[in-house]
Structures are given as structure tokens and as C-alpha cells.
Amino acid sequence: MAGVRKIILVVAVIFSAISMANLAEAAWIQDYRGVMLWNPQPTDGESIEWSGGYVQEGNYRYAEGRGTVVWRRYGKVVQIDEGGFSRGRHHGWFKHQFFPSGRIEYSNWDHGREI
């Protein structure tokens, strides 16, 4: 019986660690103008350039409306997204182009949640 309890405890700790890691992943990212976009999966060396408008809320600027986001990793373009944002979060239909392959994918979002 003690062996079963240990296994359950180990599994619970592993799932807890995975859940905490997933919560820690998502973060805001800013372009060179200080415009912020929600980034569900940040990676080291990542930067963005947002070509659309923004809405100002206090000291914060959030991407707003249709535009293009160029995602770079250590200065190299890795993805280009075309679509709409609402207060910095993906909203509506998006076209994603990945580099260097050039592969294209489409997605639909509702205030930062893919649907």
C-alpha cells in the first residue's frame, strides 16, 4: 500500500510541475514602439515587429485591429502572422507563415483563445 501512495505522490508532483511550467510560459511581448502582444509560448531570443495600430490604456499600448506581426528569434524571421488583435490578443482569422520552410497555416481566435 505504501508503494501505491508513493507512486500517486510522484505523479501528482509531476503534473503540478507541468501545470506550473505551462502557467509561467505565457507573457506579454513588446515591439520597439512598446506595443504589447500576448505571447502564449515565449522562447529565448524572441522579438516582434507589429505593423498595425494600437489602443492606449494608461501607460500600456496594446495591438489593436488588423495588422502583421513579424516574429524573430535572435534576429532571424521565424514566423509572420497576418490577422486581427483585440487589446493585444489574437482575435479573428489568422494566416501564419513559418520560416525557413514557408509553410502556411490558418487559425481562428477569440480574444486570445484559439477556437
N, C-alpha and C. Protein backbone atom coordinates (compact mmCIF):
# COMPACT_ATOMS: atom_id res chain seq x y z
N MET A 1 0.82 -1.20 0.00
CA MET A 1 0.00 0.00 0.00
C MET A 1 0.86 1.26 0.00
N ALA A 2 1.98 1.24 0.72
CA ALA A 2 2.87 2.40 0.79
C ALA A 2 3.47 2.69 -0.59
N GLY A 3 3.73 1.64 -1.38
CA GLY A 3 4.27 1.82 -2.73
C GLY A 3 3.30 2.55 -3.64
N VAL A 4 2.02 2.24 -3.52
CA VAL A 4 0.99 2.90 -4.32
C VAL A 4 0.90 4.38 -3.95
N ARG A 5 0.98 4.69 -2.66
CA ARG A 5 0.94 6.09 -2.22
C ARG A 5 2.13 6.87 -2.78
N LYS A 6 3.29 6.26 -2.78
CA LYS A 6 4.48 6.94 -3.32
C LYS A 6 4.31 7.23 -4.81
N ILE A 7 3.77 6.27 -5.54
CA ILE A 7 3.56 6.45 -6.98
C ILE A 7 2.56 7.58 -7.23
N ILE A 8 1.47 7.59 -6.46
CA ILE A 8 0.46 8.65 -6.60
C ILE A 8 1.08 10.01 -6.28
N LEU A 9 1.89 10.08 -5.24
CA LEU A 9 2.54 11.33 -4.86
C LEU A 9 3.49 11.81 -5.96
N VAL A 10 4.28 10.90 -6.52
CA VAL A 10 5.21 11.27 -7.60
C VAL A 10 4.45 11.77 -8.81
N VAL A 11 3.39 11.10 -9.20
CA VAL A 11 2.59 11.52 -10.35
C VAL A 11 1.97 12.90 -10.09
N ALA A 12 1.46 13.13 -8.88
CA ALA A 12 0.88 14.43 -8.54
C ALA A 12 1.92 15.54 -8.62
N VAL A 13 3.12 15.28 -8.13
CA VAL A 13 4.19 16.28 -8.18
C VAL A 13 4.56 16.59 -9.63
N ILE A 14 4.65 15.57 -10.47
CA ILE A 14 5.00 15.77 -11.89
C ILE A 14 3.92 16.61 -12.58
N PHE A 15 2.65 16.28 -12.39
CA PHE A 15 1.57 17.05 -13.01
C PHE A 15 1.55 18.48 -12.49
N SER A 16 1.84 18.67 -11.22
CA SER A 16 1.90 20.02 -10.65
C SER A 16 3.01 20.82 -11.31
N ALA A 17 4.17 20.21 -11.47
CA ALA A 17 5.31 20.90 -12.09
C ALA A 17 5.00 21.27 -13.53
N ILE A 18 4.35 20.37 -14.27
CA ILE A 18 3.99 20.64 -15.66
C ILE A 18 2.99 21.79 -15.71
N SER A 19 1.99 21.79 -14.83
CA SER A 19 1.00 22.86 -14.81
C SER A 19 1.64 24.19 -14.49
N MET A 20 2.54 24.23 -13.53
CA MET A 20 3.22 25.48 -13.17
C MET A 20 4.08 25.97 -14.32
N ALA A 21 4.76 25.07 -15.02
CA ALA A 21 5.59 25.46 -16.16
C ALA A 21 4.73 26.06 -17.25
N ASN A 22 3.56 25.47 -17.50
CA ASN A 22 2.67 26.00 -18.54
C ASN A 22 2.15 27.38 -18.16
N LEU A 23 1.85 27.60 -16.89
CA LEU A 23 1.38 28.91 -16.46
C LEU A 23 2.48 29.95 -16.62
N ALA A 24 3.72 29.55 -16.40
CA ALA A 24 4.83 30.50 -16.46
C ALA A 24 5.21 30.85 -17.89
N GLU A 25 4.78 30.07 -18.85
CA GLU A 25 5.19 30.29 -20.23
C GLU A 25 4.59 31.55 -20.83
N ALA A 26 3.31 31.75 -20.68
CA ALA A 26 2.63 32.86 -21.36
C ALA A 26 3.07 34.20 -20.78
N ALA A 27 3.26 35.18 -21.67
CA ALA A 27 3.70 36.50 -21.23
C ALA A 27 3.44 37.53 -22.32
N TRP A 28 3.45 38.80 -21.94
CA TRP A 28 3.36 39.87 -22.91
C TRP A 28 4.73 40.08 -23.53
N ILE A 29 4.74 40.46 -24.81
CA ILE A 29 5.97 40.80 -25.51
C ILE A 29 5.74 42.17 -26.17
N GLN A 30 6.78 43.01 -26.19
CA GLN A 30 6.65 44.36 -26.74
C GLN A 30 7.51 44.50 -28.00
N ASP A 31 6.99 45.30 -28.94
CA ASP A 31 7.82 45.64 -30.10
C ASP A 31 8.64 46.89 -29.76
N TYR A 32 9.38 47.39 -30.73
CA TYR A 32 10.29 48.51 -30.48
C TYR A 32 9.56 49.80 -30.12
N ARG A 33 8.23 49.89 -30.42
CA ARG A 33 7.43 51.08 -30.05
C ARG A 33 6.76 50.93 -28.70
N GLY A 34 6.93 49.76 -28.08
CA GLY A 34 6.28 49.50 -26.80
C GLY A 34 4.89 48.93 -26.94
N VAL A 35 4.49 48.53 -28.16
CA VAL A 35 3.17 47.92 -28.37
C VAL A 35 3.25 46.46 -27.92
N MET A 36 2.29 46.06 -27.08
CA MET A 36 2.33 44.74 -26.47
C MET A 36 1.36 43.77 -27.16
N LEU A 37 1.82 42.52 -27.28
CA LEU A 37 1.01 41.41 -27.78
C LEU A 37 1.17 40.27 -26.81
N TRP A 38 0.10 39.48 -26.66
CA TRP A 38 0.14 38.30 -25.80
C TRP A 38 0.89 37.20 -26.53
N ASN A 39 1.84 36.60 -25.83
CA ASN A 39 2.68 35.55 -26.40
C ASN A 39 2.47 34.28 -25.58
N PRO A 40 1.69 33.32 -26.10
CA PRO A 40 1.38 32.12 -25.32
C PRO A 40 2.57 31.18 -25.13
N GLN A 41 3.61 31.31 -25.98
CA GLN A 41 4.76 30.40 -25.87
C GLN A 41 6.07 31.15 -26.13
N PRO A 42 6.50 31.97 -25.18
CA PRO A 42 7.74 32.72 -25.39
C PRO A 42 8.96 31.79 -25.48
N THR A 43 9.95 32.22 -26.27
CA THR A 43 11.21 31.48 -26.37
C THR A 43 12.36 32.48 -26.23
N ASP A 44 13.52 31.98 -25.89
CA ASP A 44 14.70 32.83 -25.74
C ASP A 44 15.02 33.52 -27.06
N GLY A 45 15.47 34.76 -26.97
CA GLY A 45 15.91 35.49 -28.15
C GLY A 45 14.79 35.96 -29.05
N GLU A 46 13.57 35.96 -28.57
CA GLU A 46 12.41 36.29 -29.40
C GLU A 46 12.12 37.79 -29.38
N SER A 47 11.76 38.33 -30.53
CA SER A 47 11.34 39.72 -30.64
C SER A 47 10.25 39.81 -31.71
N ILE A 48 9.51 40.92 -31.69
CA ILE A 48 8.42 41.10 -32.64
C ILE A 48 8.47 42.49 -33.26
N GLU A 49 7.78 42.60 -34.39
CA GLU A 49 7.52 43.90 -35.00
C GLU A 49 6.07 43.90 -35.44
N TRP A 50 5.27 44.81 -34.90
CA TRP A 50 3.84 44.92 -35.18
C TRP A 50 3.61 46.08 -36.13
N SER A 51 2.88 45.83 -37.23
CA SER A 51 2.67 46.86 -38.25
C SER A 51 1.32 47.56 -38.13
N GLY A 52 0.46 47.12 -37.23
CA GLY A 52 -0.87 47.70 -37.13
C GLY A 52 -0.97 48.78 -36.08
N GLY A 53 -2.21 49.12 -35.74
CA GLY A 53 -2.47 50.15 -34.76
C GLY A 53 -2.44 49.61 -33.34
N TYR A 54 -2.73 50.50 -32.42
CA TYR A 54 -2.78 50.07 -31.02
C TYR A 54 -3.77 50.94 -30.26
N VAL A 55 -4.16 50.43 -29.11
CA VAL A 55 -5.01 51.18 -28.19
C VAL A 55 -4.18 51.45 -26.94
N GLN A 56 -4.27 52.68 -26.46
CA GLN A 56 -3.51 53.08 -25.27
C GLN A 56 -4.41 52.96 -24.06
N GLU A 57 -3.94 52.25 -23.03
CA GLU A 57 -4.65 52.14 -21.75
C GLU A 57 -3.66 52.49 -20.65
N GLY A 58 -3.77 53.70 -20.14
CA GLY A 58 -2.79 54.16 -19.15
C GLY A 58 -1.42 54.26 -19.80
N ASN A 59 -0.44 53.61 -19.21
CA ASN A 59 0.92 53.60 -19.75
C ASN A 59 1.16 52.49 -20.76
N TYR A 60 0.14 51.68 -21.05
CA TYR A 60 0.32 50.49 -21.89
C TYR A 60 -0.29 50.68 -23.26
N ARG A 61 0.39 50.16 -24.26
CA ARG A 61 -0.11 50.14 -25.64
C ARG A 61 -0.34 48.68 -26.03
N TYR A 62 -1.55 48.37 -26.47
CA TYR A 62 -1.89 47.01 -26.89
C TYR A 62 -2.20 47.00 -28.38
N ALA A 63 -1.70 45.99 -29.10
CA ALA A 63 -2.02 45.85 -30.51
C ALA A 63 -3.53 45.81 -30.68
N GLU A 64 -4.03 46.53 -31.69
CA GLU A 64 -5.47 46.63 -31.90
C GLU A 64 -5.77 46.68 -33.39
N GLY A 65 -6.75 45.87 -33.82
CA GLY A 65 -7.16 45.87 -35.23
C GLY A 65 -6.30 44.92 -36.06
N ARG A 66 -6.46 45.05 -37.38
CA ARG A 66 -5.73 44.17 -38.30
C ARG A 66 -4.32 44.67 -38.52
N GLY A 67 -3.43 43.71 -38.73
CA GLY A 67 -2.04 44.07 -38.99
C GLY A 67 -1.19 42.82 -39.19
N THR A 68 0.10 43.03 -39.18
CA THR A 68 1.06 41.94 -39.39
C THR A 68 2.07 41.94 -38.25
N VAL A 69 2.35 40.75 -37.74
CA VAL A 69 3.38 40.57 -36.71
C VAL A 69 4.51 39.76 -37.33
N VAL A 70 5.71 40.31 -37.28
CA VAL A 70 6.90 39.57 -37.71
C VAL A 70 7.58 39.09 -36.43
N TRP A 71 7.70 37.76 -36.31
CA TRP A 71 8.35 37.14 -35.15
C TRP A 71 9.78 36.80 -35.54
N ARG A 72 10.73 37.23 -34.70
CA ARG A 72 12.15 36.93 -34.94
C ARG A 72 12.71 36.18 -33.74
N ARG A 73 13.68 35.35 -34.04
CA ARG A 73 14.43 34.68 -32.99
C ARG A 73 15.90 34.93 -33.26
N TYR A 74 16.56 35.60 -32.34
CA TYR A 74 17.95 36.02 -32.50
C TYR A 74 18.15 36.75 -33.82
N GLY A 75 17.17 37.61 -34.17
CA GLY A 75 17.27 38.46 -35.35
C GLY A 75 16.79 37.84 -36.65
N LYS A 76 16.55 36.53 -36.69
CA LYS A 76 16.09 35.87 -37.91
C LYS A 76 14.57 35.71 -37.90
N VAL A 77 13.93 36.02 -39.03
CA VAL A 77 12.48 35.86 -39.14
C VAL A 77 12.12 34.38 -39.06
N VAL A 78 11.23 34.04 -38.12
CA VAL A 78 10.80 32.65 -37.97
C VAL A 78 9.31 32.48 -38.27
N GLN A 79 8.55 33.59 -38.22
CA GLN A 79 7.11 33.49 -38.46
C GLN A 79 6.55 34.87 -38.78
N ILE A 80 5.56 34.90 -39.68
CA ILE A 80 4.81 36.12 -39.96
C ILE A 80 3.33 35.79 -39.81
N ASP A 81 2.65 36.55 -38.96
CA ASP A 81 1.22 36.38 -38.73
C ASP A 81 0.48 37.58 -39.28
N GLU A 82 -0.60 37.32 -40.02
CA GLU A 82 -1.47 38.38 -40.52
C GLU A 82 -2.86 38.14 -39.94
N GLY A 83 -3.41 39.15 -39.27
CA GLY A 83 -4.74 39.00 -38.68
C GLY A 83 -5.06 40.14 -37.76
N GLY A 84 -6.07 39.93 -36.93
CA GLY A 84 -6.55 40.98 -36.05
C GLY A 84 -6.22 40.75 -34.60
N PHE A 85 -6.14 41.86 -33.86
CA PHE A 85 -5.88 41.80 -32.43
C PHE A 85 -6.91 42.65 -31.70
N SER A 86 -7.26 42.22 -30.52
CA SER A 86 -8.14 42.97 -29.64
C SER A 86 -7.43 43.08 -28.29
N ARG A 87 -7.06 44.31 -27.96
CA ARG A 87 -6.32 44.59 -26.72
C ARG A 87 -5.12 43.65 -26.56
N GLY A 88 -4.38 43.47 -27.64
CA GLY A 88 -3.13 42.72 -27.61
C GLY A 88 -3.26 41.22 -27.80
N ARG A 89 -4.48 40.73 -27.92
CA ARG A 89 -4.68 39.27 -28.07
C ARG A 89 -5.23 38.95 -29.45
N HIS A 90 -4.79 37.80 -30.00
CA HIS A 90 -5.28 37.35 -31.30
C HIS A 90 -6.81 37.34 -31.29
N HIS A 91 -7.40 37.84 -32.38
CA HIS A 91 -8.87 37.85 -32.46
C HIS A 91 -9.28 37.80 -33.92
N GLY A 92 -9.97 36.72 -34.29
CA GLY A 92 -10.43 36.54 -35.67
C GLY A 92 -9.53 35.57 -36.43
N TRP A 93 -9.64 35.61 -37.75
CA TRP A 93 -8.89 34.70 -38.62
C TRP A 93 -7.46 35.17 -38.80
N PHE A 94 -6.53 34.20 -38.79
CA PHE A 94 -5.11 34.48 -38.95
C PHE A 94 -4.49 33.60 -40.02
N LYS A 95 -3.53 34.17 -40.70
CA LYS A 95 -2.66 33.43 -41.61
C LYS A 95 -1.27 33.44 -40.97
N HIS A 96 -0.68 32.26 -40.80
CA HIS A 96 0.64 32.13 -40.20
C HIS A 96 1.59 31.54 -41.24
N GLN A 97 2.69 32.22 -41.48
CA GLN A 97 3.70 31.68 -42.39
C GLN A 97 4.97 31.43 -41.57
N PHE A 98 5.50 30.21 -41.69
CA PHE A 98 6.65 29.79 -40.90
C PHE A 98 7.90 29.73 -41.78
N PHE A 99 9.03 30.14 -41.20
CA PHE A 99 10.29 30.15 -41.94
C PHE A 99 11.31 29.28 -41.23
N PRO A 100 12.20 28.66 -41.96
CA PRO A 100 12.52 28.89 -43.37
C PRO A 100 11.67 28.09 -44.36
N SER A 101 10.77 27.22 -43.89
CA SER A 101 10.03 26.34 -44.80
C SER A 101 9.04 27.07 -45.69
N GLY A 102 8.46 28.17 -45.21
CA GLY A 102 7.43 28.87 -45.97
C GLY A 102 6.05 28.27 -45.78
N ARG A 103 5.94 27.23 -44.93
CA ARG A 103 4.66 26.57 -44.67
C ARG A 103 3.64 27.60 -44.18
N ILE A 104 2.40 27.45 -44.61
CA ILE A 104 1.32 28.37 -44.23
C ILE A 104 0.24 27.59 -43.49
N GLU A 105 -0.24 28.17 -42.41
CA GLU A 105 -1.35 27.61 -41.65
C GLU A 105 -2.36 28.72 -41.38
N TYR A 106 -3.61 28.34 -41.13
CA TYR A 106 -4.66 29.29 -40.82
C TYR A 106 -5.27 28.93 -39.47
N SER A 107 -5.72 29.94 -38.73
CA SER A 107 -6.35 29.67 -37.45
C SER A 107 -7.41 30.73 -37.17
N ASN A 108 -8.26 30.44 -36.21
CA ASN A 108 -9.31 31.36 -35.80
C ASN A 108 -9.23 31.54 -34.29
N TRP A 109 -9.32 32.78 -33.84
CA TRP A 109 -9.11 33.11 -32.42
C TRP A 109 -10.26 33.94 -31.88
N ASP A 110 -10.48 33.80 -30.58
CA ASP A 110 -11.46 34.61 -29.88
C ASP A 110 -10.80 35.19 -28.62
N HIS A 111 -10.39 36.45 -28.72
CA HIS A 111 -9.74 37.16 -27.61
C HIS A 111 -8.62 36.34 -26.96
N GLY A 112 -7.71 35.85 -27.79
CA GLY A 112 -6.52 35.17 -27.30
C GLY A 112 -6.64 33.67 -27.14
N ARG A 113 -7.82 33.11 -27.42
CA ARG A 113 -8.01 31.66 -27.33
C ARG A 113 -8.29 31.11 -28.71
N GLU A 114 -7.50 30.12 -29.13
CA GLU A 114 -7.73 29.52 -30.44
C GLU A 114 -9.00 28.68 -30.39
N ILE A 115 -9.85 28.86 -31.44
CA ILE A 115 -11.11 28.11 -31.48
C ILE A 115 -11.15 27.24 -32.72
